[in-house]
PDB file of N, CA and C in Angstrom:
ATOM      1  N   UNK A   1      14.612  -6.593   3.615  1.00  0.00           N
ATOM      2  CA  UNK A   1      14.321  -6.531   2.196  1.00  0.00           C
ATOM      3  C   UNK A   1      14.155  -5.056   1.810  1.00  0.00           C
ATOM      4  N   UNK A   2      14.810  -4.654   0.752  1.00  0.00           N
ATOM      5  CA  UNK A   2      14.650  -3.291   0.248  1.00  0.00           C
ATOM      6  C   UNK A   2      13.411  -3.216  -0.644  1.00  0.00           C
ATOM      7  N   UNK A   3      13.027  -2.009  -0.986  1.00  0.00           N
ATOM      8  CA  UNK A   3      11.891  -1.836  -1.902  1.00  0.00           C
ATOM      9  C   UNK A   3      12.233  -2.449  -3.259  1.00  0.00           C
ATOM     10  N   UNK A   4      13.450  -2.233  -3.718  1.00  0.00           N
ATOM     11  CA  UNK A   4      13.881  -2.814  -5.001  1.00  0.00           C
ATOM     12  C   UNK A   4      13.805  -4.329  -4.962  1.00  0.00           C
ATOM     13  N   UNK A   5      14.273  -4.922  -3.872  1.00  0.00           N
ATOM     14  CA  UNK A   5      14.198  -6.379  -3.738  1.00  0.00           C
ATOM     15  C   UNK A   5      12.753  -6.853  -3.706  1.00  0.00           C
ATOM     16  N   UNK A   6      11.889  -6.095  -3.053  1.00  0.00           N
ATOM     17  CA  UNK A   6      10.470  -6.457  -3.014  1.00  0.00           C
ATOM     18  C   UNK A   6       9.878  -6.420  -4.416  1.00  0.00           C
ATOM     19  N   UNK A   7      10.188  -5.382  -5.178  1.00  0.00           N
ATOM     20  CA  UNK A   7       9.696  -5.307  -6.556  1.00  0.00           C
ATOM     21  C   UNK A   7      10.193  -6.492  -7.371  1.00  0.00           C
ATOM     22  N   UNK A   8      11.460  -6.849  -7.187  1.00  0.00           N
ATOM     23  CA  UNK A   8      12.031  -7.984  -7.925  1.00  0.00           C
ATOM     24  C   UNK A   8      11.389  -9.298  -7.510  1.00  0.00           C
ATOM     25  N   UNK A   9      11.161  -9.472  -6.219  1.00  0.00           N
ATOM     26  CA  UNK A   9      10.572 -10.716  -5.731  1.00  0.00           C
ATOM     27  C   UNK A   9       9.140 -10.883  -6.228  1.00  0.00           C
ATOM     28  N   UNK A  10       8.367  -9.804  -6.221  1.00  0.00           N
ATOM     29  CA  UNK A  10       7.001  -9.867  -6.747  1.00  0.00           C
ATOM     30  C   UNK A  10       7.038 -10.188  -8.237  1.00  0.00           C
ATOM     31  N   UNK A  11       7.948  -9.551  -8.962  1.00  0.00           N
ATOM     32  CA  UNK A  11       8.048  -9.814 -10.402  1.00  0.00           C
ATOM     33  C   UNK A  11       8.415 -11.272 -10.665  1.00  0.00           C
ATOM     34  N   UNK A  12       9.342 -11.809  -9.887  1.00  0.00           N
ATOM     35  CA  UNK A  12       9.725 -13.217 -10.046  1.00  0.00           C
ATOM     36  C   UNK A  12       8.542 -14.137  -9.759  1.00  0.00           C
ATOM     37  N   UNK A  13       7.753 -13.805  -8.721  1.00  0.00           N
ATOM     38  CA  UNK A  13       6.579 -14.613  -8.395  1.00  0.00           C
ATOM     39  C   UNK A  13       5.579 -14.586  -9.548  1.00  0.00           C
ATOM     40  N   UNK A  14       5.351 -13.406 -10.083  1.00  0.00           N
ATOM     41  CA  UNK A  14       4.409 -13.285 -11.213  1.00  0.00           C
ATOM     42  C   UNK A  14       4.894 -14.122 -12.388  1.00  0.00           C
ATOM     43  N   UNK A  15       6.185 -14.038 -12.709  1.00  0.00           N
ATOM     44  CA  UNK A  15       6.729 -14.787 -13.841  1.00  0.00           C
ATOM     45  C   UNK A  15       6.672 -16.297 -13.609  1.00  0.00           C
ATOM     46  N   UNK A  16       6.820 -16.722 -12.353  1.00  0.00           N
ATOM     47  CA  UNK A  16       6.855 -18.149 -12.029  1.00  0.00           C
ATOM     48  C   UNK A  16       5.462 -18.742 -11.839  1.00  0.00           C
ATOM     49  N   UNK A  17       4.607 -18.044 -11.095  1.00  0.00           N
ATOM     50  CA  UNK A  17       3.308 -18.603 -10.706  1.00  0.00           C
ATOM     51  C   UNK A  17       2.104 -17.872 -11.291  1.00  0.00           C
ATOM     52  N   UNK A  18       2.251 -16.628 -11.593  1.00  0.00           N
ATOM     53  CA  UNK A  18       1.102 -15.822 -11.988  1.00  0.00           C
ATOM     54  C   UNK A  18       0.858 -15.740 -13.477  1.00  0.00           C
ATOM     55  N   UNK A  19       1.703 -16.352 -14.289  1.00  0.00           N
ATOM     56  CA  UNK A  19       1.659 -16.353 -15.746  1.00  0.00           C
ATOM     57  C   UNK A  19       2.015 -14.968 -16.295  1.00  0.00           C
ATOM     58  N   UNK A  20       1.245 -13.947 -15.913  1.00  0.00           N
ATOM     59  CA  UNK A  20       1.517 -12.567 -16.325  1.00  0.00           C
ATOM     60  C   UNK A  20       0.798 -11.642 -15.358  1.00  0.00           C
ATOM     61  N   UNK A  21       1.138 -10.374 -15.439  1.00  0.00           N
ATOM     62  CA  UNK A  21       0.434  -9.388 -14.620  1.00  0.00           C
ATOM     63  C   UNK A  21      -0.986  -9.220 -15.142  1.00  0.00           C
ATOM     64  N   UNK A  22      -1.920  -8.967 -14.236  1.00  0.00           N
ATOM     65  CA  UNK A  22      -3.234  -8.508 -14.664  1.00  0.00           C
ATOM     66  C   UNK A  22      -3.043  -7.149 -15.327  1.00  0.00           C
ATOM     67  N   UNK A  23      -4.012  -6.704 -16.073  1.00  0.00           N
ATOM     68  CA  UNK A  23      -3.898  -5.383 -16.703  1.00  0.00           C
ATOM     69  C   UNK A  23      -3.776  -4.316 -15.625  1.00  0.00           C
ATOM     70  N   UNK A  24      -3.227  -3.179 -16.011  1.00  0.00           N
ATOM     71  CA  UNK A  24      -3.058  -2.073 -15.078  1.00  0.00           C
ATOM     72  C   UNK A  24      -4.388  -1.652 -14.463  1.00  0.00           C
ATOM     73  N   UNK A  25      -5.427  -1.600 -15.271  1.00  0.00           N
ATOM     74  CA  UNK A  25      -6.740  -1.200 -14.764  1.00  0.00           C
ATOM     75  C   UNK A  25      -7.301  -2.240 -13.791  1.00  0.00           C
ATOM     76  N   UNK A  26      -7.113  -3.518 -14.103  1.00  0.00           N
ATOM     77  CA  UNK A  26      -7.541  -4.568 -13.180  1.00  0.00           C
ATOM     78  C   UNK A  26      -6.796  -4.460 -11.864  1.00  0.00           C
ATOM     79  N   UNK A  27      -5.489  -4.241 -11.933  1.00  0.00           N
ATOM     80  CA  UNK A  27      -4.721  -4.105 -10.698  1.00  0.00           C
ATOM     81  C   UNK A  27      -5.135  -2.866  -9.908  1.00  0.00           C
ATOM     82  N   UNK A  28      -5.524  -1.798 -10.578  1.00  0.00           N
ATOM     83  CA  UNK A  28      -6.020  -0.624  -9.866  1.00  0.00           C
ATOM     84  C   UNK A  28      -7.306  -0.965  -9.126  1.00  0.00           C
ATOM     85  N   UNK A  29      -8.181  -1.732  -9.764  1.00  0.00           N
ATOM     86  CA  UNK A  29      -9.426  -2.157  -9.107  1.00  0.00           C
ATOM     87  C   UNK A  29      -9.112  -3.074  -7.920  1.00  0.00           C
ATOM     88  N   UNK A  30      -8.145  -3.969  -8.078  1.00  0.00           N
ATOM     89  CA  UNK A  30      -7.756  -4.861  -6.983  1.00  0.00           C
ATOM     90  C   UNK A  30      -7.149  -4.053  -5.839  1.00  0.00           C
ATOM     91  N   UNK A  31      -6.334  -3.045  -6.168  1.00  0.00           N
ATOM     92  CA  UNK A  31      -5.762  -2.185  -5.133  1.00  0.00           C
ATOM     93  C   UNK A  31      -6.866  -1.489  -4.346  1.00  0.00           C
ATOM     94  N   UNK A  32      -7.864  -1.003  -5.035  1.00  0.00           N
ATOM     95  CA  UNK A  32      -9.000  -0.354  -4.375  1.00  0.00           C
ATOM     96  C   UNK A  32      -9.708  -1.336  -3.450  1.00  0.00           C
ATOM     97  N   UNK A  33      -9.890  -2.560  -3.909  1.00  0.00           N
ATOM     98  CA  UNK A  33     -10.519  -3.596  -3.087  1.00  0.00           C
ATOM     99  C   UNK A  33      -9.688  -3.877  -1.833  1.00  0.00           C
ATOM    100  N   UNK A  34      -8.384  -4.007  -1.997  1.00  0.00           N
ATOM    101  CA  UNK A  34      -7.509  -4.299  -0.861  1.00  0.00           C
ATOM    102  C   UNK A  34      -7.480  -3.138   0.142  1.00  0.00           C
ATOM    103  N   UNK A  35      -7.475  -1.914  -0.365  1.00  0.00           N
ATOM    104  CA  UNK A  35      -7.527  -0.756   0.530  1.00  0.00           C
ATOM    105  C   UNK A  35      -8.858  -0.740   1.280  1.00  0.00           C
ATOM    106  N   UNK A  36      -9.936  -1.154   0.618  1.00  0.00           N
ATOM    107  CA  UNK A  36     -11.237  -1.260   1.275  1.00  0.00           C
ATOM    108  C   UNK A  36     -11.222  -2.275   2.400  1.00  0.00           C
ATOM    109  N   UNK A  37     -10.553  -3.402   2.195  1.00  0.00           N
ATOM    110  CA  UNK A  37     -10.450  -4.409   3.252  1.00  0.00           C
ATOM    111  C   UNK A  37      -9.647  -3.864   4.431  1.00  0.00           C
ATOM    112  N   UNK A  38      -8.592  -3.115   4.144  1.00  0.00           N
ATOM    113  CA  UNK A  38      -7.814  -2.483   5.205  1.00  0.00           C
ATOM    114  C   UNK A  38      -8.658  -1.451   5.945  1.00  0.00           C
ATOM    115  N   UNK A  39      -9.440  -0.676   5.192  1.00  0.00           N
ATOM    116  CA  UNK A  39     -10.305   0.331   5.809  1.00  0.00           C
ATOM    117  C   UNK A  39     -11.343  -0.319   6.721  1.00  0.00           C
ATOM    118  N   UNK A  40     -11.903  -1.445   6.306  1.00  0.00           N
ATOM    119  CA  UNK A  40     -12.875  -2.160   7.137  1.00  0.00           C
ATOM    120  C   UNK A  40     -12.227  -2.589   8.452  1.00  0.00           C
ATOM    121  N   UNK A  41     -11.032  -3.140   8.364  1.00  0.00           N
ATOM    122  CA  UNK A  41     -10.320  -3.562   9.565  1.00  0.00           C
ATOM    123  C   UNK A  41     -10.020  -2.370  10.476  1.00  0.00           C
ATOM    124  N   UNK A  42      -9.569  -1.280   9.906  1.00  0.00           N
ATOM    125  CA  UNK A  42      -9.254  -0.080  10.691  1.00  0.00           C
ATOM    126  C   UNK A  42     -10.510   0.468  11.366  1.00  0.00           C
ATOM    127  N   UNK A  43     -11.631   0.485  10.645  1.00  0.00           N
ATOM    128  CA  UNK A  43     -12.887   1.007  11.201  1.00  0.00           C
ATOM    129  C   UNK A  43     -13.355   0.176  12.382  1.00  0.00           C
ATOM    130  N   UNK A  44     -13.110  -1.120  12.311  1.00  0.00           N
ATOM    131  CA  UNK A  44     -13.546  -1.998  13.388  1.00  0.00           C
ATOM    132  C   UNK A  44     -12.547  -2.018  14.545  1.00  0.00           C
ATOM    133  N   UNK A  45     -11.273  -1.920  14.233  1.00  0.00           N
ATOM    134  CA  UNK A  45     -10.259  -2.022  15.276  1.00  0.00           C
ATOM    135  C   UNK A  45      -9.988  -0.682  15.957  1.00  0.00           C
ATOM    136  N   UNK A  46      -9.975   0.408  15.193  1.00  0.00           N
ATOM    137  CA  UNK A  46      -9.623   1.711  15.757  1.00  0.00           C
ATOM    138  C   UNK A  46     -10.772   2.712  15.714  1.00  0.00           C
ATOM    139  N   UNK A  47     -11.786   2.402  14.945  1.00  0.00           N
ATOM    140  CA  UNK A  47     -12.922   3.306  14.826  1.00  0.00           C
ATOM    141  C   UNK A  47     -14.093   2.843  15.668  1.00  0.00           C
ATOM    142  N   UNK A  48     -15.247   3.316  15.307  1.00  0.00           N
ATOM    143  CA  UNK A  48     -16.453   3.067  16.090  1.00  0.00           C
ATOM    144  C   UNK A  48     -17.288   1.899  15.579  1.00  0.00           C
ATOM    145  N   UNK A  49     -16.900   1.316  14.460  1.00  0.00           N
ATOM    146  CA  UNK A  49     -17.716   0.269  13.863  1.00  0.00           C
ATOM    147  C   UNK A  49     -17.523  -1.066  14.576  1.00  0.00           C
ATOM    148  N   UNK A  50     -18.625  -1.775  14.794  1.00  0.00           N
ATOM    149  CA  UNK A  50     -18.587  -3.092  15.435  1.00  0.00           C
ATOM    150  C   UNK A  50     -18.386  -4.182  14.392  1.00  0.00           C
ATOM    151  N   UNK A  51     -17.810  -5.284  14.838  1.00  0.00           N
ATOM    152  CA  UNK A  51     -17.693  -6.445  13.947  1.00  0.00           C
ATOM    153  C   UNK A  51     -19.059  -7.091  13.786  1.00  0.00           C
ATOM    154  N   UNK A  52     -19.257  -7.713  12.640  1.00  0.00           N
ATOM    155  CA  UNK A  52     -20.494  -8.450  12.391  1.00  0.00           C
ATOM    156  C   UNK A  52     -20.448  -9.754  13.178  1.00  0.00           C
ATOM    157  N   UNK A  53     -21.605 -10.293  13.559  1.00  0.00           N
ATOM    158  CA  UNK A  53     -21.620 -11.578  14.282  1.00  0.00           C
ATOM    159  C   UNK A  53     -20.901 -12.654  13.465  1.00  0.00           C
ATOM    160  N   UNK A  54     -19.996 -13.367  14.113  1.00  0.00           N
ATOM    161  CA  UNK A  54     -19.262 -14.441  13.451  1.00  0.00           C
ATOM    162  C   UNK A  54     -18.093 -13.987  12.599  1.00  0.00           C
ATOM    163  N   UNK A  55     -17.887 -12.683  12.485  1.00  0.00           N
ATOM    164  CA  UNK A  55     -16.792 -12.170  11.668  1.00  0.00           C
ATOM    165  C   UNK A  55     -15.455 -12.477  12.337  1.00  0.00           C
ATOM    166  N   UNK A  56     -14.556 -13.051  11.580  1.00  0.00           N
ATOM    167  CA  UNK A  56     -13.219 -13.362  12.088  1.00  0.00           C
ATOM    168  C   UNK A  56     -12.310 -12.198  11.716  1.00  0.00           C
ATOM    169  N   UNK A  57     -11.747 -11.528  12.716  1.00  0.00           N
ATOM    170  CA  UNK A  57     -10.898 -10.377  12.403  1.00  0.00           C
ATOM    171  C   UNK A  57      -9.631 -10.796  11.665  1.00  0.00           C
ATOM    172  N   UNK A  58      -9.267 -10.013  10.664  1.00  0.00           N
ATOM    173  CA  UNK A  58      -8.041 -10.284   9.925  1.00  0.00           C
ATOM    174  C   UNK A  58      -6.887  -9.557  10.592  1.00  0.00           C
ATOM    175  N   UNK A  59      -5.695  -9.924  10.220  1.00  0.00           N
ATOM    176  CA  UNK A  59      -4.487  -9.332  10.771  1.00  0.00           C
ATOM    177  C   UNK A  59      -4.125  -8.068  10.006  1.00  0.00           C
ATOM    178  N   UNK A  60      -3.747  -7.020  10.736  1.00  0.00           N
ATOM    179  CA  UNK A  60      -3.359  -5.760  10.119  1.00  0.00           C
ATOM    180  C   UNK A  60      -2.209  -5.960   9.135  1.00  0.00           C
ATOM    181  N   UNK A  61      -1.195  -6.729   9.555  1.00  0.00           N
ATOM    182  CA  UNK A  61      -0.050  -6.969   8.682  1.00  0.00           C
ATOM    183  C   UNK A  61      -0.438  -7.625   7.368  1.00  0.00           C
ATOM    184  N   UNK A  62      -1.360  -8.568   7.439  1.00  0.00           N
ATOM    185  CA  UNK A  62      -1.823  -9.258   6.225  1.00  0.00           C
ATOM    186  C   UNK A  62      -2.486  -8.281   5.270  1.00  0.00           C
ATOM    187  N   UNK A  63      -3.330  -7.413   5.816  1.00  0.00           N
ATOM    188  CA  UNK A  63      -4.045  -6.459   4.957  1.00  0.00           C
ATOM    189  C   UNK A  63      -3.085  -5.427   4.369  1.00  0.00           C
ATOM    190  N   UNK A  64      -2.149  -4.940   5.175  1.00  0.00           N
ATOM    191  CA  UNK A  64      -1.161  -3.985   4.662  1.00  0.00           C
ATOM    192  C   UNK A  64      -0.283  -4.632   3.593  1.00  0.00           C
ATOM    193  N   UNK A  65       0.097  -5.885   3.802  1.00  0.00           N
ATOM    194  CA  UNK A  65       0.916  -6.592   2.818  1.00  0.00           C
ATOM    195  C   UNK A  65       0.159  -6.802   1.508  1.00  0.00           C
ATOM    196  N   UNK A  66      -1.145  -7.061   1.583  1.00  0.00           N
ATOM    197  CA  UNK A  66      -1.944  -7.208   0.363  1.00  0.00           C
ATOM    198  C   UNK A  66      -1.961  -5.908  -0.444  1.00  0.00           C
ATOM    199  N   UNK A  67      -2.084  -4.778   0.254  1.00  0.00           N
ATOM    200  CA  UNK A  67      -2.048  -3.477  -0.419  1.00  0.00           C
ATOM    201  C   UNK A  67      -0.680  -3.274  -1.066  1.00  0.00           C
ATOM    202  N   UNK A  68       0.381  -3.557  -0.302  1.00  0.00           N
ATOM    203  CA  UNK A  68       1.732  -3.379  -0.815  1.00  0.00           C
ATOM    204  C   UNK A  68       1.990  -4.271  -2.023  1.00  0.00           C
ATOM    205  N   UNK A  69       1.517  -5.498  -1.980  1.00  0.00           N
ATOM    206  CA  UNK A  69       1.704  -6.442  -3.091  1.00  0.00           C
ATOM    207  C   UNK A  69       1.168  -5.849  -4.396  1.00  0.00           C
ATOM    208  N   UNK A  70      -0.059  -5.387  -4.359  1.00  0.00           N
ATOM    209  CA  UNK A  70      -0.671  -4.864  -5.586  1.00  0.00           C
ATOM    210  C   UNK A  70       0.019  -3.568  -6.016  1.00  0.00           C
ATOM    211  N   UNK A  71       0.412  -2.749  -5.059  1.00  0.00           N
ATOM    212  CA  UNK A  71       1.145  -1.531  -5.379  1.00  0.00           C
ATOM    213  C   UNK A  71       2.469  -1.861  -6.072  1.00  0.00           C
ATOM    214  N   UNK A  72       3.155  -2.885  -5.580  1.00  0.00           N
ATOM    215  CA  UNK A  72       4.395  -3.326  -6.220  1.00  0.00           C
ATOM    216  C   UNK A  72       4.133  -3.849  -7.627  1.00  0.00           C
ATOM    217  N   UNK A  73       3.037  -4.566  -7.810  1.00  0.00           N
ATOM    218  CA  UNK A  73       2.671  -5.051  -9.148  1.00  0.00           C
ATOM    219  C   UNK A  73       2.467  -3.882 -10.107  1.00  0.00           C
ATOM    220  N   UNK A  74       1.716  -2.885  -9.674  1.00  0.00           N
ATOM    221  CA  UNK A  74       1.443  -1.722 -10.531  1.00  0.00           C
ATOM    222  C   UNK A  74       2.746  -0.993 -10.862  1.00  0.00           C
ATOM    223  N   UNK A  75       3.617  -0.834  -9.874  1.00  0.00           N
ATOM    224  CA  UNK A  75       4.906  -0.182 -10.127  1.00  0.00           C
ATOM    225  C   UNK A  75       5.719  -0.973 -11.150  1.00  0.00           C
ATOM    226  N   UNK A  76       5.771  -2.277 -10.984  1.00  0.00           N
ATOM    227  CA  UNK A  76       6.534  -3.116 -11.913  1.00  0.00           C
ATOM    228  C   UNK A  76       6.009  -2.997 -13.333  1.00  0.00           C
ATOM    229  N   UNK A  77       4.715  -3.111 -13.479  1.00  0.00           N
ATOM    230  CA  UNK A  77       4.178  -3.151 -14.836  1.00  0.00           C
ATOM    231  C   UNK A  77       4.145  -1.793 -15.512  1.00  0.00           C
ATOM    232  N   UNK A  78       4.308  -0.722 -14.745  1.00  0.00           N
ATOM    233  CA  UNK A  78       4.336   0.616 -15.342  1.00  0.00           C
ATOM    234  C   UNK A  78       5.747   1.195 -15.363  1.00  0.00           C
ATOM    235  N   UNK A  79       6.729   0.406 -14.933  1.00  0.00           N
ATOM    236  CA  UNK A  79       8.120   0.823 -15.019  1.00  0.00           C
ATOM    237  C   UNK A  79       8.548   1.835 -13.966  1.00  0.00           C
ATOM    238  N   UNK A  80       7.871   1.865 -12.831  1.00  0.00           N
ATOM    239  CA  UNK A  80       8.212   2.810 -11.767  1.00  0.00           C
ATOM    240  C   UNK A  80       9.187   2.160 -10.791  1.00  0.00           C
ATOM    241  N   UNK A  81      10.297   2.827 -10.551  1.00  0.00           N
ATOM    242  CA  UNK A  81      11.247   2.430  -9.521  1.00  0.00           C
ATOM    243  C   UNK A  81      10.762   3.077  -8.229  1.00  0.00           C
ATOM    244  N   UNK A  82      10.147   2.282  -7.359  1.00  0.00           N
ATOM    245  CA  UNK A  82       9.546   2.840  -6.150  1.00  0.00           C
ATOM    246  C   UNK A  82      10.576   3.408  -5.177  1.00  0.00           C
ATOM    247  N   UNK A  83      11.779   2.892  -5.174  1.00  0.00           N
ATOM    248  CA  UNK A  83      12.817   3.458  -4.313  1.00  0.00           C
ATOM    249  C   UNK A  83      13.088   4.901  -4.730  1.00  0.00           C
ATOM    250  N   UNK A  84      13.315   5.092  -5.999  1.00  0.00           N
ATOM    251  CA  UNK A  84      13.576   6.434  -6.528  1.00  0.00           C
ATOM    252  C   UNK A  84      12.362   7.344  -6.335  1.00  0.00           C
ATOM    253  N   UNK A  85      11.180   6.831  -6.611  1.00  0.00           N
ATOM    254  CA  UNK A  85       9.958   7.638  -6.473  1.00  0.00           C
ATOM    255  C   UNK A  85       9.731   8.050  -5.022  1.00  0.00           C
ATOM    256  N   UNK A  86       9.993   7.136  -4.080  1.00  0.00           N
ATOM    257  CA  UNK A  86       9.812   7.458  -2.666  1.00  0.00           C
ATOM    258  C   UNK A  86      10.835   8.494  -2.215  1.00  0.00           C
ATOM    259  N   UNK A  87      12.074   8.353  -2.666  1.00  0.00           N
ATOM    260  CA  UNK A  87      13.095   9.340  -2.312  1.00  0.00           C
ATOM    261  C   UNK A  87      12.713  10.722  -2.827  1.00  0.00           C
ATOM    262  N   UNK A  88      12.189  10.793  -4.036  1.00  0.00           N
ATOM    263  CA  UNK A  88      11.745  12.071  -4.596  1.00  0.00           C
ATOM    264  C   UNK A  88      10.566  12.631  -3.822  1.00  0.00           C
ATOM    265  N   UNK A  89       9.651  11.766  -3.400  1.00  0.00           N
ATOM    266  CA  UNK A  89       8.490  12.199  -2.629  1.00  0.00           C
ATOM    267  C   UNK A  89       8.905  12.744  -1.265  1.00  0.00           C
ATOM    268  N   UNK A  90       9.853  12.086  -0.611  1.00  0.00           N
ATOM    269  CA  UNK A  90      10.344  12.551   0.691  1.00  0.00           C
ATOM    270  C   UNK A  90      11.004  13.922   0.537  1.00  0.00           C
ATOM    271  N   UNK A  91      11.814  14.074  -0.495  1.00  0.00           N
ATOM    272  CA  UNK A  91      12.482  15.364  -0.730  1.00  0.00           C
ATOM    273  C   UNK A  91      11.456  16.469  -0.986  1.00  0.00           C
ATOM    274  N   UNK A  92      10.438  16.160  -1.784  1.00  0.00           N
ATOM    275  CA  UNK A  92       9.395  17.153  -2.088  1.00  0.00           C
ATOM    276  C   UNK A  92       8.649  17.554  -0.821  1.00  0.00           C
ATOM    277  N   UNK A  93       8.255  16.568  -0.039  1.00  0.00           N
ATOM    278  CA  UNK A  93       7.508  16.853   1.195  1.00  0.00           C
ATOM    279  C   UNK A  93       8.365  17.618   2.202  1.00  0.00           C
ATOM    280  N   UNK A  94       9.649  17.279   2.265  1.00  0.00           N
ATOM    281  CA  UNK A  94      10.548  17.963   3.182  1.00  0.00           C
ATOM    282  C   UNK A  94      10.662  19.437   2.802  1.00  0.00           C
ATOM    283  N   UNK A  95      10.847  19.693   1.533  1.00  0.00           N
ATOM    284  CA  UNK A  95      10.968  21.081   1.074  1.00  0.00           C
ATOM    285  C   UNK A  95       9.661  21.842   1.290  1.00  0.00           C
ATOM    286  N   UNK A  96       8.555  21.226   0.973  1.00  0.00           N
ATOM    287  CA  UNK A  96       7.253  21.881   1.039  1.00  0.00           C
ATOM    288  C   UNK A  96       6.747  22.024   2.472  1.00  0.00           C
ATOM    289  N   UNK A  97       6.969  21.020   3.298  1.00  0.00           N
ATOM    290  CA  UNK A  97       6.303  20.959   4.600  1.00  0.00           C
ATOM    291  C   UNK A  97       7.234  21.030   5.799  1.00  0.00           C
ATOM    292  N   UNK A  98       8.491  21.403   5.611  1.00  0.00           N
ATOM    293  CA  UNK A  98       9.450  21.332   6.721  1.00  0.00           C
ATOM    294  C   UNK A  98       9.028  22.142   7.937  1.00  0.00           C
ATOM    295  N   UNK A  99       8.322  23.246   7.758  1.00  0.00           N
ATOM    296  CA  UNK A  99       7.880  24.077   8.883  1.00  0.00           C
ATOM    297  C   UNK A  99       6.382  23.985   9.134  1.00  0.00           C
ATOM    298  N   UNK A 100       5.645  23.512   8.168  1.00  0.00           N
ATOM    299  CA  UNK A 100       4.179  23.526   8.211  1.00  0.00           C
ATOM    300  C   UNK A 100       3.607  22.801   9.431  1.00  0.00           C
ATOM    301  N   UNK A 101       4.058  21.614   9.703  1.00  0.00           N
ATOM    302  CA  UNK A 101       3.463  20.808  10.771  1.00  0.00           C
ATOM    303  C   UNK A 101       3.930  21.254  12.152  1.00  0.00           C
ATOM    304  N   UNK A 102       5.099  21.890  12.221  1.00  0.00           N
ATOM    305  CA  UNK A 102       5.596  22.393  13.502  1.00  0.00           C
ATOM    306  C   UNK A 102       4.676  23.460  14.070  1.00  0.00           C
ATOM    307  N   UNK A 103       3.943  24.132  13.206  1.00  0.00           N
ATOM    308  CA  UNK A 103       3.064  25.217  13.639  1.00  0.00           C
ATOM    309  C   UNK A 103       1.623  24.762  13.834  1.00  0.00           C
ATOM    310  N   UNK A 104       1.362  23.499  13.679  1.00  0.00           N
ATOM    311  CA  UNK A 104       0.006  22.965  13.836  1.00  0.00           C
ATOM    312  C   UNK A 104      -0.241  22.615  15.298  1.00  0.00           C
ATOM    313  N   UNK A 105      -1.045  23.415  15.961  1.00  0.00           N
ATOM    314  CA  UNK A 105      -1.313  23.214  17.382  1.00  0.00           C
ATOM    315  C   UNK A 105      -1.980  21.864  17.666  1.00  0.00           C
ATOM    316  N   UNK A 106      -2.715  21.324  16.720  1.00  0.00           N
ATOM    317  CA  UNK A 106      -3.392  20.040  16.916  1.00  0.00           C
ATOM    318  C   UNK A 106      -2.413  18.871  17.036  1.00  0.00           C
ATOM    319  N   UNK A 107      -1.182  19.066  16.570  1.00  0.00           N
ATOM    320  CA  UNK A 107      -0.186  18.002  16.617  1.00  0.00           C
ATOM    321  C   UNK A 107       0.683  18.058  17.877  1.00  0.00           C
ATOM    322  N   UNK A 108       0.534  19.098  18.646  1.00  0.00           N
ATOM    323  CA  UNK A 108       1.360  19.243  19.865  1.00  0.00           C
ATOM    324  C   UNK A 108       0.587  18.885  21.103  1.00  0.00           C
TER     325      UNK A 108
END
């Protein structure tokens, strides 16, 4: 699935089952919540934080997909073509950082 196809599929789901998009501000709050859930999982799985008694660990893929879902919703409702935006971001980072990380001793 391409990014464009993902945006289209999310939009079709919203039109079919979701009635309409939540407001942009609501979706931003939901995105923050979903990123928080991902952060909790990362802290417990890769960091030093312990799970709470009885806590059922969630799947990394599920949490990442939840973040992506809301991000796709925000892109759709604000008219952003994420394929184009990502290509522009890669080009910008390549131009700006092409030599920067090669000289970082912490990465070698």
